[in-house]
Protein backbone atom coordinates (compact mmCIF):
# COMPACT_ATOMS: atom_id res chain seq x y z
CA MET A 1 74.88 -232.92 -36.30
CA SER A 2 76.87 -230.53 -38.51
CA ARG A 3 79.47 -233.30 -39.11
CA LEU A 4 76.67 -235.56 -40.36
CA ILE A 5 75.34 -232.92 -42.78
CA GLY A 6 78.87 -232.09 -43.94
CA GLY A 7 79.57 -235.79 -44.50
CA LEU A 8 76.37 -236.22 -46.52
CA ILE A 9 77.18 -233.21 -48.68
CA LEU A 10 80.75 -234.42 -49.24
CA GLY A 11 79.52 -237.92 -50.05
CA TYR A 12 77.05 -236.58 -52.59
CA LEU A 13 79.70 -234.42 -54.25
CA ILE A 14 82.05 -237.41 -54.55
CA TYR A 15 79.20 -239.51 -56.00
CA TRP A 16 78.37 -236.76 -58.52
CA VAL A 17 82.00 -236.41 -59.70
CA VAL A 18 82.46 -240.19 -60.03
CA LYS A 19 79.19 -240.46 -61.97
CA ARG A 20 80.17 -237.66 -64.39
CA VAL A 21 83.60 -239.16 -65.06
CA ALA A 22 82.12 -242.63 -65.55
CA GLN A 23 79.49 -241.25 -67.97
CA SER A 24 82.13 -239.46 -70.02
CA LEU A 25 84.09 -242.73 -70.29
CA GLY A 26 80.96 -244.68 -71.23
CA LEU A 27 81.02 -246.76 -68.06
CA TRP A 28 77.76 -245.40 -66.63
CA PRO A 29 74.54 -245.51 -68.68
CA GLN A 30 72.96 -242.21 -69.57
CA ALA A 31 69.26 -241.65 -70.04
CA PRO A 32 68.49 -240.63 -73.64
CA ARG A 33 67.69 -236.97 -74.04
CA PRO A 34 64.42 -236.28 -75.85
CA LEU A 35 64.54 -234.07 -78.93
CA ALA A 36 63.10 -230.62 -78.58
CA LYS A 37 59.68 -230.46 -80.20
CA ASP A 38 60.70 -227.63 -82.51
CA ARG A 39 63.88 -229.40 -83.66
CA GLU A 40 63.75 -232.10 -86.29
CA PRO A 41 66.47 -234.71 -86.63
CA ASP A 42 68.79 -234.16 -89.58
CA VAL A 43 67.61 -236.04 -92.65
CA LEU A 44 70.26 -236.86 -95.23
CA VAL A 45 69.58 -236.44 -98.94
CA GLN A 46 71.75 -237.57 -101.84
CA ASP A 47 73.08 -235.25 -104.51
CA PRO A 48 72.14 -236.83 -107.88
CA VAL A 49 75.33 -235.53 -109.55
CA CYS A 50 78.17 -236.49 -107.22
CA GLN A 51 76.22 -238.93 -105.02
CA THR A 52 77.26 -237.07 -101.83
CA PHE A 53 74.93 -237.25 -98.82
CA ILE A 54 74.17 -233.92 -97.17
CA PRO A 55 71.77 -232.74 -94.45
CA ARG A 56 68.52 -231.71 -96.11
CA LYS A 57 68.38 -228.37 -94.30
CA GLU A 58 71.83 -227.42 -95.69
CA ALA A 59 71.26 -228.65 -99.25
CA LEU A 60 70.48 -226.49 -102.27
CA LYS A 61 67.11 -227.36 -103.75
CA ALA A 62 65.85 -227.29 -107.33
CA GLU A 63 62.84 -228.64 -109.18
CA LYS A 64 63.06 -230.30 -112.58
CA ASP A 65 60.23 -232.06 -114.42
CA GLY A 66 58.00 -231.75 -111.36
CA LYS A 67 60.46 -233.48 -109.03
CA VAL A 68 62.51 -231.85 -106.25
CA TYR A 69 66.27 -232.55 -106.15
CA PHE A 70 68.85 -231.63 -103.51
CA PHE A 71 72.47 -230.63 -104.17
CA CYS A 72 75.66 -230.22 -102.16
CA SER A 73 76.96 -227.26 -104.18
CA GLU A 74 76.07 -224.68 -106.79
CA GLY A 75 78.32 -226.50 -109.27
CA CYS A 76 76.38 -229.77 -108.95
CA LEU A 77 73.09 -227.92 -109.23
CA LYS A 78 74.19 -226.13 -112.45
CA ARG A 79 75.59 -229.32 -113.96
CA PHE A 80 72.34 -231.15 -113.25
CA MET A 81 70.16 -228.40 -114.70
CA ARG A 82 72.28 -228.29 -117.90
CA SER A 83 72.05 -232.04 -118.39
CA GLY A 84 69.23 -233.40 -120.53
CA SER A 85 68.48 -236.40 -118.29
CA ASN A 86 67.81 -236.93 -114.59
């Protein structure tokens, strides 16, 4: 009986290792992981000065003429605010 239990445990461990290796190589499908409810996906915004895309939560934000703009750096933000046009 103990040989049977030992064989089942060994078989499961081999299965688990093979599955993990195959998943890391993309040979075994993985179930998609749901996003945590408190975590939003990163939304990209475009800097109007240099046209760079940056994650919204990392971007600098400024308002001009009632509209909100996002910037990749302090330099782009200053250049935009000095300019007369949007």
